[in-house]
Amino acid sequence: MAAKVLNFSYFARKLAITSHLSINKRCNVLHNVFKYFGTSDRLLGVTGIPIKMPALSPTMQEGTIVKWYKKEGDAISPGDVLCDIQTDKAVVSMETEEEGVLAKIMMQEDSKDIKIGTLIAVMVEEGTDWTDLEIPSSESAPQVEAPVTVTGTSNQSDFSNSSIRVFLPSVRSLLDIYSIDASHLSPSGPNGRLLKGDVLKHIKDNNLKPVPVSIPDAPTLTVSGMDSVGLTEMPVLMPDAPTLTVSGMDSVGLTEMPSSSIPKPIVQTRKPLAPAIESDDEYSDIPVSAMRKVIAKRLTESKSSIPYLYASANCQMDKLIKLRKQFKKNGVHLSVNDFIIKAASIALQTVPEVNSVWSNNGPRPSPTVDISIAVAIDNGLITPIVHGANNLNLEEISERVKSLAGRAREGKLKTDEFQGGSFCISNLGMYGITEFTAIINPPQTAIMAVGTSRLTIRHDKTPQTIMTVTLSADNRVIDETKAFEFIEQFKLNLESPSKMLL
């Protein structure tokens, strides 16, 4: 700003010096002065370049600033990481393609639920004075509209001058409970309206107590031709009954009913309400992460918009367990999940209808077998992808899954490592779950739920190890026949694991 003042002083002195010049030349000098200050940032400040919250995933609607790697005044070059942003899927690093200086951070670290397109920082061109920043006017905070005041017409009377007074339910309740005459209170609300605070102040100042409610006595029943008696004093014996004659029937006399046969009125006594139990236990609300919100929304849409088809099968695991032990003896550690992924990739090649996604125009077969693996993390669930699983051997699949799962729990997955996929596997066998059904993750059209391996007895009373898998499929794309073919092929691959080594 000091530089601008000096510049302005320079032009002022120059204008004073040229006072001896002709009018035309002095006008030219004035023109240059206003052109200099009016078309540049020397008087109005440096106009910043906005940096907005980007959409880092197709389903992202808002994000959280986790960490800033640049501070105000730092130089920025293309490819530099500005900050880490928590999306609905993972923590993603935001890189810049611009060159300049980070002038102002609008959203500090741990700023939550920032909508896409919201201004998070401002940068300026290199060589400009970043300390004298002018926030872009289009990004400034929206103005709050002033409350609208409705002026009544001349025929409307003020509450204070009206004989009819209208009270809010809470005010009316207090007036009734404490038996207070509203005319003795001084209202403080607009237009002479009596507020709840006015009543509470009156109760406190006068130390009023709630007025007990009196229960009226039993009513008296008066019948023509009879004495006026209370309902509790009615005689038990009824008078002689008249004779009732019905056409087509004999005359039947209504005899006196014995006192023992007359039901006594049931008097129901209301017990006083039990006092509210005061508990010293404290509870805290756990905030829902952005990831869990998106998961809930997408899975609800999946269950409400997709016609589901289910297919289950029990797979014999004895040969696979034996082969896995042989690998372990040779120093190769493979999990059952690695065999499941390999078996599914071969089955997806055999039944390509299951290896597809749903687009706006209908089903679209996937040219590659990209299998998503559901991994539980602290904030929810994420599905890292094993790309080209059909072209990988068991050891490569094992290494890829371990790397993806580890970086998923650390929140360090890249965008292309968890977005996309043509098929999904959710394995809860390590938790002892026998079987379950999984929810399809759109735009994928199928997901396979895997249960735990368990020991059972065959018909010949010999033991066997089986595992239950359940396919959830989109019936718009995958019909019953294709679903059963996929399950049958998957089972065949798993029960003949040596074929997967070829």
Foldseek 3Di string as FASTA:
>chain_A
DVVLVVVLVVLVVVLVVCPVPDPVVSVVSVVVSCVVVVVDCSPVFFEWDFDWAADQFPLWFFWAFAFAPDDAFDWAAFQDFGTWIQTLFFTATDTDRDTFTFQFAPHHHGRGGHGGGQGGTTTGHHPDDSPRYDYPPVRDDDDDDDDDDDDDDPVDDFQVPDPDADADPLQVVLCQFQVNDPVVWAADDPSRHRDPVRSVVVCVVVVTDGDDDDDDDADWDDDPPDDTDGPVPDDQKDPFFDWDDDPPDDIDGDGIDDSVPDDDDDDDDDDDDDDDDDDPDDDDDDDAHNNVVSVVVQLVCQVVPFDKDKDKDKFFQPVVVVVQVVCVVVVQHFDPVLLLLQLLQVLCVVLQLQQWFADPVGIDGDPAAKEWEWAAEPNGIFTFIDTRSNPDASSVSRVVVVVLNVCSNVRNDHSVRGPDGREYEYEPQVVQAQWDDDGDRHRHFKYKYKHHWDWDADPVRDITIIIMMMMMGGCRRDPPVSVVSSVVSSSVCSNVVVVSRD
